[in-house]
Amino acid sequence: QVQLVESGGGLVQAGGSLRLSCAASGRTFSRGTMGWFRQAPGKEREFVAVIAWSWTGSSTYYADSVKGRFAISRDNAKNTVYLQMNTLKPEDTAVYYCAAGPRYYSAYDDQRSYDYWGQGTQVTVSS
């Protein structure tokens, strides 16, 4: 049984930082795609960032709203993906979900591409 378990969410002031972690168990995603989506109250779930395996090394993709502020990374030995979030803004407030799949997805920003999801972790940024 595959499980994705997120951690690291919390309450932070605007301009602060948080680091989210997502640990996978039940299968390895070292040659797949792992990433983050988020859902704010009253809004649809949206793409944040993903990291995908490729023959030339990992590729990373970001939503325009987080480029330059967020950084995604992975530790294949731990089957874990991280999201370092800096210069947080109130509009970053959302439940953040980890997503994973066993291959590369051209539609990496489409949540329908992913086979596995975590339960979510709340990030609240106060102004």
Foldseek 3Di string as FASTA:
>chain_A
DKAWAKDWADEEAAQAKIKMKIFIDDDAQQQWKKAKWWDDPPGDIWGAKMWHQDPVGIDIDGDPVQPPFWDKDDDRVRSMIMIIGGRDDQVVWTWMKMFIDNHDDPPVGDNVVTDDIHPTDTHGYHD
